[in-house]
């Protein structure tokens, strides 16, 4: 084996080890995040907290960037969980069984709104359009909606003031509401 491939293997091994260690240290928070999402969105016997956490971890293994710290790791996990839940909704939509009803919250987590997989896909499409307009607004929505983070936590993760995060949340929510009504 060449020296270059040995170095690549060591770097790859250390990256894997670092991600695994971060995953293990954040497992409880990841489980709580997944539990909140599933409790407020999906009434499904086929998707549980452990499955969502482990699927997110597997997808994060494919993530190009290394995580810098615990908050960065959890932020990436929120984004990966969003993508997985959207793929899950697509799968349910493709099955044409009527799909499981999804409880979607646009504000407070204790006031869920029942939605269909099509509406989840519409939300994902709207978030993709929002990201093209303003990436920061999209991240705030992902962290709050999919990650379950409070505004103060998002402000710390993004290095912004809480007032900025609240304003971004209000503007993003209004924009998404308008987009989803048109869909």
Protein backbone atom coordinates (compact mmCIF):
# COMPACT_ATOMS: atom_id res chain seq x y z
CA UNK A 1 0.00 0.00 0.00
CA UNK A 2 1.38 3.45 -0.87
CA UNK A 3 2.17 6.12 1.70
CA UNK A 4 -0.55 8.40 0.28
CA UNK A 5 -3.24 5.73 0.68
CA UNK A 6 -2.02 5.05 4.25
CA UNK A 7 -2.39 8.75 5.06
CA UNK A 8 -5.86 8.82 3.46
CA UNK A 9 -6.86 5.74 5.44
CA UNK A 10 -5.60 7.30 8.71
CA UNK A 11 -7.45 10.57 8.02
CA UNK A 12 -10.59 8.66 7.06
CA UNK A 13 -10.28 6.52 10.17
CA UNK A 14 -9.76 9.54 12.43
CA UNK A 15 -12.74 11.36 10.83
CA UNK A 16 -14.90 8.29 11.37
CA UNK A 17 -13.68 7.99 14.95
CA UNK A 18 -14.32 11.67 15.65
CA UNK A 19 -17.84 11.50 14.15
CA UNK A 20 -18.60 8.33 16.10
CA UNK A 21 -17.39 9.92 19.35
CA UNK A 22 -19.46 13.04 18.68
CA UNK A 23 -22.48 10.88 17.86
CA UNK A 24 -22.14 8.93 21.08
CA UNK A 25 -21.73 12.07 23.18
CA UNK A 26 -24.79 13.67 21.53
CA UNK A 27 -26.97 10.55 21.38
CA UNK A 28 -29.40 11.68 24.10
CA UNK A 29 -29.89 15.08 22.47
CA UNK A 30 -30.32 13.49 19.05
CA UNK A 31 -32.91 11.09 20.47
CA UNK A 32 -34.77 13.97 22.08
CA UNK A 33 -34.67 15.93 18.82
CA UNK A 34 -35.97 12.94 16.85
CA UNK A 35 -38.63 12.20 19.45
CA UNK A 36 -39.93 15.79 19.27
CA UNK A 37 -40.10 15.65 15.48
CA UNK A 38 -41.83 12.29 15.37
CA UNK A 39 -44.23 13.13 18.18
CA UNK A 40 -45.27 16.35 16.47
CA UNK A 41 -45.28 15.10 12.89
CA UNK A 42 -45.68 11.41 12.31
CA UNK A 43 -48.23 8.98 13.65
CA UNK A 44 -46.44 6.04 12.17
CA UNK A 45 -45.56 2.66 13.54
CA UNK A 46 -42.85 2.20 10.89
CA UNK A 47 -40.67 5.14 11.93
CA UNK A 48 -39.37 5.45 15.47
CA UNK A 49 -36.89 7.63 17.31
CA UNK A 50 -33.99 5.18 17.15
CA UNK A 51 -34.48 4.62 13.43
CA UNK A 52 -34.50 8.36 12.74
CA UNK A 53 -31.38 8.97 14.88
CA UNK A 54 -29.45 6.14 13.26
CA UNK A 55 -30.55 7.04 9.74
CA UNK A 56 -29.43 10.62 10.40
CA UNK A 57 -26.07 9.37 11.63
CA UNK A 58 -25.62 7.21 8.55
CA UNK A 59 -26.46 10.16 6.30
CA UNK A 60 -24.13 12.45 8.29
CA UNK A 61 -21.33 10.01 7.54
CA UNK A 62 -21.74 11.04 3.89
CA UNK A 63 -21.64 14.76 4.83
CA UNK A 64 -18.64 16.44 3.22
CA UNK A 65 -17.76 18.91 6.00
CA UNK A 66 -16.34 17.91 9.34
CA UNK A 67 -18.17 19.19 12.38
CA UNK A 68 -16.38 21.80 14.43
CA UNK A 69 -18.18 21.32 17.74
CA UNK A 70 -21.24 19.81 19.39
CA UNK A 71 -23.62 22.61 18.31
CA UNK A 72 -22.43 22.32 14.71
CA UNK A 73 -22.91 18.55 14.85
CA UNK A 74 -26.47 18.94 16.19
CA UNK A 75 -27.28 21.62 13.60
CA UNK A 76 -26.17 19.31 10.79
CA UNK A 77 -28.21 16.52 12.39
CA UNK A 78 -31.33 18.73 12.25
CA UNK A 79 -30.79 19.34 8.55
CA UNK A 80 -30.15 15.65 7.86
CA UNK A 81 -33.29 14.68 9.81
CA UNK A 82 -35.29 17.15 7.68
CA UNK A 83 -33.99 15.52 4.52
CA UNK A 84 -34.74 12.04 5.83
CA UNK A 85 -38.29 13.01 6.87
CA UNK A 86 -38.88 14.53 3.44
CA UNK A 87 -37.66 11.34 1.78
CA UNK A 88 -39.92 9.38 4.13
CA UNK A 89 -42.88 11.56 3.09
CA UNK A 90 -42.00 11.01 -0.58
CA UNK A 91 -41.95 7.27 0.00
CA UNK A 92 -45.34 7.38 1.72
CA UNK A 93 -46.70 9.52 -1.10
CA UNK A 94 -45.42 7.07 -3.71
CA UNK A 95 -47.12 4.16 -2.02
CA UNK A 96 -50.50 5.71 -2.80
CA UNK A 97 -51.99 4.10 0.29
CA UNK A 98 -53.32 7.36 1.50
CA UNK A 99 -50.12 7.56 3.52
CA UNK A 100 -49.88 8.12 7.23
CA UNK A 101 -51.26 11.38 8.48
CA UNK A 102 -48.47 13.74 9.43
CA UNK A 103 -48.82 16.28 12.20
CA UNK A 104 -47.08 19.44 11.07
CA UNK A 105 -46.50 22.41 13.34
CA UNK A 106 -45.87 25.91 12.07
CA UNK A 107 -45.51 27.47 15.46
CA UNK A 108 -46.05 25.97 18.85
CA UNK A 109 -45.24 22.31 19.23
CA UNK A 110 -48.30 21.63 21.36
CA UNK A 111 -50.71 22.74 18.61
CA UNK A 112 -50.08 20.32 15.73
CA UNK A 113 -51.84 20.52 12.39
CA UNK A 114 -52.52 17.25 10.58
CA UNK A 115 -51.09 17.22 7.10
CA UNK A 116 -50.46 14.80 4.29
CA UNK A 117 -47.16 13.68 2.75
CA UNK A 118 -47.93 16.02 -0.18
CA UNK A 119 -47.96 18.98 2.20
CA UNK A 120 -44.59 17.94 3.65
CA UNK A 121 -43.22 17.80 0.11
CA UNK A 122 -44.70 21.24 -0.60
CA UNK A 123 -42.98 22.55 2.55
CA UNK A 124 -39.69 21.07 1.39
CA UNK A 125 -40.08 22.68 -2.05
CA UNK A 126 -40.89 26.01 -0.40
CA UNK A 127 -37.83 25.70 1.86
CA UNK A 128 -35.68 25.02 -1.19
CA UNK A 129 -37.00 28.21 -2.82
CA UNK A 130 -36.48 30.13 0.43
CA UNK A 131 -32.88 28.90 0.61
CA UNK A 132 -32.25 30.37 -2.86
CA UNK A 133 -33.59 33.71 -1.65
CA UNK A 134 -32.14 33.75 1.86
CA UNK A 135 -30.10 30.84 3.17
CA UNK A 136 -30.13 32.16 6.75
CA UNK A 137 -33.94 32.21 6.90
CA UNK A 138 -33.97 28.62 5.67
CA UNK A 139 -31.48 27.55 8.36
CA UNK A 140 -33.51 29.25 11.09
CA UNK A 141 -36.62 27.34 9.94
CA UNK A 142 -34.71 24.06 9.77
CA UNK A 143 -33.18 24.47 13.22
CA UNK A 144 -36.46 25.55 14.82
CA UNK A 145 -38.89 23.36 12.94
CA UNK A 146 -36.88 20.21 12.31
CA UNK A 147 -34.29 20.50 15.08
CA UNK A 148 -36.73 21.73 17.72
CA UNK A 149 -34.33 24.42 18.87
CA UNK A 150 -35.55 27.53 20.65
CA UNK A 151 -34.65 30.95 19.30
CA UNK A 152 -31.98 31.50 21.96
CA UNK A 153 -30.26 28.23 21.02
CA UNK A 154 -30.39 29.08 17.32
CA UNK A 155 -28.89 32.50 18.03
CA UNK A 156 -25.99 30.88 19.86
CA UNK A 157 -25.45 28.28 17.12
CA UNK A 158 -25.48 30.86 14.35
CA UNK A 159 -23.60 33.56 16.26
CA UNK A 160 -26.44 36.07 15.84
CA UNK A 161 -28.58 38.07 18.23
CA UNK A 162 -31.86 36.61 19.44
CA UNK A 163 -33.69 39.61 17.95
CA UNK A 164 -32.23 38.79 14.53
CA UNK A 165 -33.33 35.16 14.87
CA UNK A 166 -36.84 36.18 15.94
CA UNK A 167 -37.10 38.58 12.99
CA UNK A 168 -35.78 35.94 10.59
CA UNK A 169 -38.28 33.41 11.99
CA UNK A 170 -41.22 35.83 11.57
CA UNK A 171 -40.23 36.75 8.02
CA UNK A 172 -39.52 33.15 7.00
CA UNK A 173 -42.78 31.95 8.53
CA UNK A 174 -44.75 34.65 6.70
CA UNK A 175 -43.00 33.88 3.42
CA UNK A 176 -43.58 30.13 3.83
CA UNK A 177 -47.22 30.68 4.73
CA UNK A 178 -47.75 32.70 1.53
CA UNK A 179 -45.89 30.12 -0.59
CA UNK A 180 -47.79 27.18 0.90
CA UNK A 181 -51.18 28.85 0.38
CA UNK A 182 -50.31 29.28 -3.30
CA UNK A 183 -49.21 25.64 -3.64
